Amino acid sequence: MKKDEKTVATNRHAKYNYDIIETCEAGIELKGSEVKSVRAGRVNLKDSFAAIDRNGLFLCHCHISPYEHTGSFKEDPTRRRKLLMHKLQITRLLGQTAGKGYTLVPLRLYFTRGLCKVELALARGKKLYDKRRALKEKEIERELKKNMGVKGFRPA
């Protein structure tokens, strides 16, 4: 994360449910009222994913709550939003997701220099036993940090 970035929303379940292979950055096409709602932090990335079709790259199931102060016309909160990337990058991601069983998952939504961006991750789904192993390693790490703070404790 850079100095001039303001993170609005993060997908905390992504690192638990997926093995992250690599990350990339994409712009997002939003309506005016959606930008105001994103700036207010009314975004949920929990069940969202990115999909590639012949028209481009899209962010699906990302919930952006409607802005309260708009008029009678409100956008659908879970509509597909176009992601902005170079054509070459999109075709490379298409090749990686098509054959190897990878998926594109948004990790965070942030503003940089006034522009709204999405950090996408090329990821592979974890199995249940991988999730259990990750939780056990996290618990061991937490115990080690706790014991390091105790006076007189020396690990063997």
C-alpha atoms as a PDB file:
ATOM      1  CA  MET A   1       0.000   0.000   0.000  1.00  0.00           C
ATOM      2  CA  LYS A   2       1.388   3.348  -1.031  1.00  0.00           C
ATOM      3  CA  LYS A   3       1.300   6.601   0.874  1.00  0.00           C
ATOM      4  CA  ASP A   4      -1.329   8.334  -1.273  1.00  0.00           C
ATOM      5  CA  GLU A   5      -3.765   5.378  -1.313  1.00  0.00           C
ATOM      6  CA  LYS A   6      -6.943   5.325   0.763  1.00  0.00           C
ATOM      7  CA  THR A   7      -8.321   1.811   1.207  1.00  0.00           C
ATOM      8  CA  VAL A   8     -12.116   1.793   1.247  1.00  0.00           C
ATOM      9  CA  ALA A   9     -12.966  -1.923   1.461  1.00  0.00           C
ATOM     10  CA  THR A  10     -11.068  -5.183   1.834  1.00  0.00           C
ATOM     11  CA  ASN A  11     -12.053  -8.770   1.179  1.00  0.00           C
ATOM     12  CA  ARG A  12     -10.844 -10.511   4.331  1.00  0.00           C
ATOM     13  CA  HIS A  13     -12.346 -13.865   3.350  1.00  0.00           C
ATOM     14  CA  ALA A  14     -10.265 -14.037   0.163  1.00  0.00           C
ATOM     15  CA  LYS A  15      -6.995 -14.971   1.852  1.00  0.00           C
ATOM     16  CA  TYR A  16      -8.784 -17.587   3.943  1.00  0.00           C
ATOM     17  CA  ASN A  17     -10.666 -19.197   1.033  1.00  0.00           C
ATOM     18  CA  TYR A  18      -8.028 -18.890  -1.711  1.00  0.00           C
ATOM     19  CA  ASP A  19      -4.307 -19.324  -2.335  1.00  0.00           C
ATOM     20  CA  ILE A  20      -3.175 -16.037  -3.857  1.00  0.00           C
ATOM     21  CA  ILE A  21      -0.905 -16.595  -6.882  1.00  0.00           C
ATOM     22  CA  GLU A  22      -0.402 -13.016  -8.086  1.00  0.00           C
ATOM     23  CA  THR A  23      -2.086  -9.626  -7.883  1.00  0.00           C
ATOM     24  CA  CYS A  24      -2.813  -6.866 -10.371  1.00  0.00           C
ATOM     25  CA  GLU A  25      -4.514  -3.481 -10.400  1.00  0.00           C
ATOM     26  CA  ALA A  26      -7.560  -2.451 -12.429  1.00  0.00           C
ATOM     27  CA  GLY A  27      -9.654   0.680 -12.682  1.00  0.00           C
ATOM     28  CA  ILE A  28     -13.388   0.444 -12.176  1.00  0.00           C
ATOM     29  CA  GLU A  29     -16.172   2.168 -14.103  1.00  0.00           C
ATOM     30  CA  LEU A  30     -18.662   3.691 -11.640  1.00  0.00           C
ATOM     31  CA  LYS A  31     -21.643   6.043 -11.860  1.00  0.00           C
ATOM     32  CA  GLY A  32     -21.524   9.360  -9.996  1.00  0.00           C
ATOM     33  CA  SER A  33     -23.692   8.319  -7.076  1.00  0.00           C
ATOM     34  CA  GLU A  34     -21.722   5.069  -6.731  1.00  0.00           C
ATOM     35  CA  VAL A  35     -18.473   7.010  -6.377  1.00  0.00           C
ATOM     36  CA  LYS A  36     -19.960   8.988  -3.489  1.00  0.00           C
ATOM     37  CA  SER A  37     -21.166   5.791  -1.854  1.00  0.00           C
ATOM     38  CA  VAL A  38     -17.722   4.162  -2.277  1.00  0.00           C
ATOM     39  CA  ARG A  39     -16.053   7.209  -0.747  1.00  0.00           C
ATOM     40  CA  ALA A  40     -18.408   6.810   2.229  1.00  0.00           C
ATOM     41  CA  GLY A  41     -17.192   3.194   2.566  1.00  0.00           C
ATOM     42  CA  ARG A  42     -20.511   1.504   1.798  1.00  0.00           C
ATOM     43  CA  VAL A  43     -18.983  -1.388  -0.171  1.00  0.00           C
ATOM     44  CA  ASN A  44     -19.007  -5.150   0.410  1.00  0.00           C
ATOM     45  CA  LEU A  45     -16.543  -7.358  -1.508  1.00  0.00           C
ATOM     46  CA  LYS A  46     -17.291 -10.593   0.357  1.00  0.00           C
ATOM     47  CA  ASP A  47     -18.882 -12.717  -2.394  1.00  0.00           C
ATOM     48  CA  SER A  48     -17.574 -10.812  -5.403  1.00  0.00           C
ATOM     49  CA  PHE A  49     -15.432 -12.096  -8.254  1.00  0.00           C
ATOM     50  CA  ALA A  50     -14.185 -10.906 -11.640  1.00  0.00           C
ATOM     51  CA  ALA A  51     -15.359 -12.486 -14.884  1.00  0.00           C
ATOM     52  CA  ILE A  52     -14.002 -12.178 -18.413  1.00  0.00           C
ATOM     53  CA  ASP A  53     -16.245 -12.281 -21.455  1.00  0.00           C
ATOM     54  CA  ARG A  54     -15.923 -11.031 -25.015  1.00  0.00           C
ATOM     55  CA  ASN A  55     -16.876  -7.482 -23.967  1.00  0.00           C
ATOM     56  CA  GLY A  56     -14.124  -7.179 -21.364  1.00  0.00           C
ATOM     57  CA  LEU A  57     -13.433  -7.723 -17.678  1.00  0.00           C
ATOM     58  CA  PHE A  58     -16.295  -7.272 -15.180  1.00  0.00           C
ATOM     59  CA  LEU A  59     -16.646  -7.194 -11.396  1.00  0.00           C
ATOM     60  CA  CYS A  60     -19.664  -9.278 -10.365  1.00  0.00           C
ATOM     61  CA  HIS A  61     -21.632  -9.416  -7.089  1.00  0.00           C
ATOM     62  CA  CYS A  62     -19.842  -6.431  -5.559  1.00  0.00           C
ATOM     63  CA  HIS A  63     -22.422  -4.705  -3.369  1.00  0.00           C
ATOM     64  CA  ILE A  64     -22.245  -0.894  -3.415  1.00  0.00           C
ATOM     65  CA  SER A  65     -25.114   0.541  -1.393  1.00  0.00           C
ATOM     66  CA  PRO A  66     -27.136   3.316  -3.074  1.00  0.00           C
ATOM     67  CA  TYR A  67     -26.221   6.841  -2.050  1.00  0.00           C
ATOM     68  CA  GLU A  68     -28.956   8.292   0.179  1.00  0.00           C
ATOM     69  CA  HIS A  69     -29.008  11.797  -1.288  1.00  0.00           C
ATOM     70  CA  THR A  70     -29.628  10.859  -4.918  1.00  0.00           C
ATOM     71  CA  GLY A  71     -32.982  11.458  -6.553  1.00  0.00           C
ATOM     72  CA  SER A  72     -35.510   8.877  -7.589  1.00  0.00           C
ATOM     73  CA  PHE A  73     -33.123   6.979  -9.908  1.00  0.00           C
ATOM     74  CA  LYS A  74     -30.930   4.526  -8.011  1.00  0.00           C
ATOM     75  CA  GLU A  75     -28.550   1.966  -9.499  1.00  0.00           C
ATOM     76  CA  ASP A  76     -28.796  -1.750  -8.792  1.00  0.00           C
ATOM     77  CA  PRO A  77     -26.392  -2.375  -5.848  1.00  0.00           C
ATOM     78  CA  THR A  78     -25.003  -5.654  -7.258  1.00  0.00           C
ATOM     79  CA  ARG A  79     -24.829  -4.816 -10.963  1.00  0.00           C
ATOM     80  CA  ARG A  80     -21.835  -5.882 -13.071  1.00  0.00           C
ATOM     81  CA  ARG A  81     -19.228  -3.138 -13.227  1.00  0.00           C
ATOM     82  CA  LYS A  82     -16.661  -2.935 -15.985  1.00  0.00           C
ATOM     83  CA  LEU A  83     -13.020  -3.158 -14.933  1.00  0.00           C
ATOM     84  CA  LEU A  84     -10.498  -1.165 -16.911  1.00  0.00           C
ATOM     85  CA  MET A  85      -7.306  -2.931 -17.977  1.00  0.00           C
ATOM     86  CA  HIS A  86      -5.226  -3.154 -21.128  1.00  0.00           C
ATOM     87  CA  LYS A  87      -6.388  -5.723 -23.678  1.00  0.00           C
ATOM     88  CA  LEU A  88      -3.086  -7.620 -23.430  1.00  0.00           C
ATOM     89  CA  GLN A  89      -3.438  -7.946 -19.651  1.00  0.00           C
ATOM     90  CA  ILE A  90      -7.010  -9.198 -20.009  1.00  0.00           C
ATOM     91  CA  THR A  91      -6.023 -11.858 -22.551  1.00  0.00           C
ATOM     92  CA  ARG A  92      -3.171 -13.020 -20.285  1.00  0.00           C
ATOM     93  CA  LEU A  93      -5.582 -13.327 -17.357  1.00  0.00           C
ATOM     94  CA  LEU A  94      -8.072 -15.156 -19.595  1.00  0.00           C
ATOM     95  CA  GLY A  95      -5.414 -17.710 -20.516  1.00  0.00           C
ATOM     96  CA  GLN A  96      -4.497 -18.273 -16.881  1.00  0.00           C
ATOM     97  CA  THR A  97      -8.062 -18.613 -15.608  1.00  0.00           C
ATOM     98  CA  ALA A  98      -9.302 -20.814 -18.456  1.00  0.00           C
ATOM     99  CA  GLY A  99      -7.009 -23.805 -18.185  1.00  0.00           C
ATOM    100  CA  LYS A 100      -5.586 -24.070 -14.695  1.00  0.00           C
ATOM    101  CA  GLY A 101      -8.678 -23.677 -12.526  1.00  0.00           C
ATOM    102  CA  TYR A 102      -7.791 -20.217 -11.255  1.00  0.00           C
ATOM    103  CA  THR A 103     -10.270 -17.454 -10.508  1.00  0.00           C
ATOM    104  CA  LEU A 104     -10.066 -13.676 -10.194  1.00  0.00           C
ATOM    105  CA  VAL A 105     -10.959 -12.372  -6.739  1.00  0.00           C
ATOM    106  CA  PRO A 106     -10.947  -8.707  -5.642  1.00  0.00           C
ATOM    107  CA  LEU A 107      -8.795  -8.162  -2.560  1.00  0.00           C
ATOM    108  CA  ARG A 108      -9.428  -4.484  -1.902  1.00  0.00           C
ATOM    109  CA  LEU A 109     -11.039  -1.352  -3.299  1.00  0.00           C
ATOM    110  CA  TYR A 110      -9.109   1.896  -2.898  1.00  0.00           C
ATOM    111  CA  PHE A 111      -8.616   5.425  -4.166  1.00  0.00           C
ATOM    112  CA  THR A 112      -5.301   6.617  -5.529  1.00  0.00           C
ATOM    113  CA  ARG A 113      -4.874  10.141  -6.864  1.00  0.00           C
ATOM    114  CA  GLY A 114      -8.658  10.531  -6.994  1.00  0.00           C
ATOM    115  CA  LEU A 115      -9.244   7.371  -9.056  1.00  0.00           C
ATOM    116  CA  CYS A 116     -11.052   4.294  -7.777  1.00  0.00           C
ATOM    117  CA  LYS A 117      -9.030   1.092  -8.254  1.00  0.00           C
ATOM    118  CA  VAL A 118      -9.518  -2.596  -7.506  1.00  0.00           C
ATOM    119  CA  GLU A 119      -6.706  -4.950  -6.530  1.00  0.00           C
ATOM    120  CA  LEU A 120      -7.447  -8.280  -8.222  1.00  0.00           C
ATOM    121  CA  ALA A 121      -5.835 -11.560  -7.265  1.00  0.00           C
ATOM    122  CA  LEU A 122      -5.326 -14.573  -9.453  1.00  0.00           C
ATOM    123  CA  ALA A 123      -6.235 -17.297  -6.969  1.00  0.00           C
ATOM    124  CA  ARG A 124      -6.926 -21.002  -6.565  1.00  0.00           C
ATOM    125  CA  GLY A 125      -9.561 -22.225  -4.111  1.00  0.00           C
ATOM    126  CA  LYS A 126      -8.359 -23.911  -0.922  1.00  0.00           C
ATOM    127  CA  LYS A 127      -9.613 -27.283   0.197  1.00  0.00           C
ATOM    128  CA  LEU A 128     -11.053 -27.706   3.688  1.00  0.00           C
ATOM    129  CA  TYR A 129      -7.902 -29.356   5.050  1.00  0.00           C
ATOM    130  CA  ASP A 130      -5.794 -26.439   3.730  1.00  0.00           C
ATOM    131  CA  LYS A 131      -8.020 -24.015   5.629  1.00  0.00           C
ATOM    132  CA  ARG A 132      -7.619 -26.049   8.810  1.00  0.00           C
ATOM    133  CA  ARG A 133      -3.848 -26.119   8.390  1.00  0.00           C
ATOM    134  CA  ALA A 134      -3.775 -22.336   7.888  1.00  0.00           C
ATOM    135  CA  LEU A 135      -5.820 -21.789  11.060  1.00  0.00           C
ATOM    136  CA  LYS A 136      -3.514 -24.080  13.039  1.00  0.00           C
ATOM    137  CA  GLU A 137      -0.390 -22.265  11.790  1.00  0.00           C
ATOM    138  CA  LYS A 138      -1.978 -18.924  12.680  1.00  0.00           C
ATOM    139  CA  GLU A 139      -2.755 -20.176  16.199  1.00  0.00           C
ATOM    140  CA  ILE A 140       0.836 -21.425  16.670  1.00  0.00           C
ATOM    141  CA  GLU A 141       2.202 -18.079  15.467  1.00  0.00           C
ATOM    142  CA  ARG A 142      -0.072 -16.220  17.907  1.00  0.00           C
ATOM    143  CA  GLU A 143       1.092 -18.435  20.796  1.00  0.00           C
ATOM    144  CA  LEU A 144       4.749 -17.846  19.918  1.00  0.00           C
ATOM    145  CA  LYS A 145       4.261 -14.081  19.849  1.00  0.00           C
ATOM    146  CA  LYS A 146       2.442 -14.214  23.186  1.00  0.00           C
ATOM    147  CA  ASN A 147       5.192 -16.298  24.800  1.00  0.00           C
ATOM    148  CA  MET A 148       7.951 -14.054  23.440  1.00  0.00           C
ATOM    149  CA  GLY A 149       6.468 -11.187  25.427  1.00  0.00           C
ATOM    150  CA  VAL A 150       6.717 -13.097  28.738  1.00  0.00           C
ATOM    151  CA  LYS A 151       9.823 -12.224  30.781  1.00  0.00           C
ATOM    152  CA  GLY A 152      12.281 -15.041  31.224  1.00  0.00           C
ATOM    153  CA  PHE A 153      10.837 -17.162  28.436  1.00  0.00           C
ATOM    154  CA  ARG A 154      13.419 -18.657  26.122  1.00  0.00           C
ATOM    155  CA  PRO A 155      12.384 -20.892  23.246  1.00  0.00           C
ATOM    156  CA  ALA A 156      14.226 -24.210  23.041  1.00  0.00           C
END
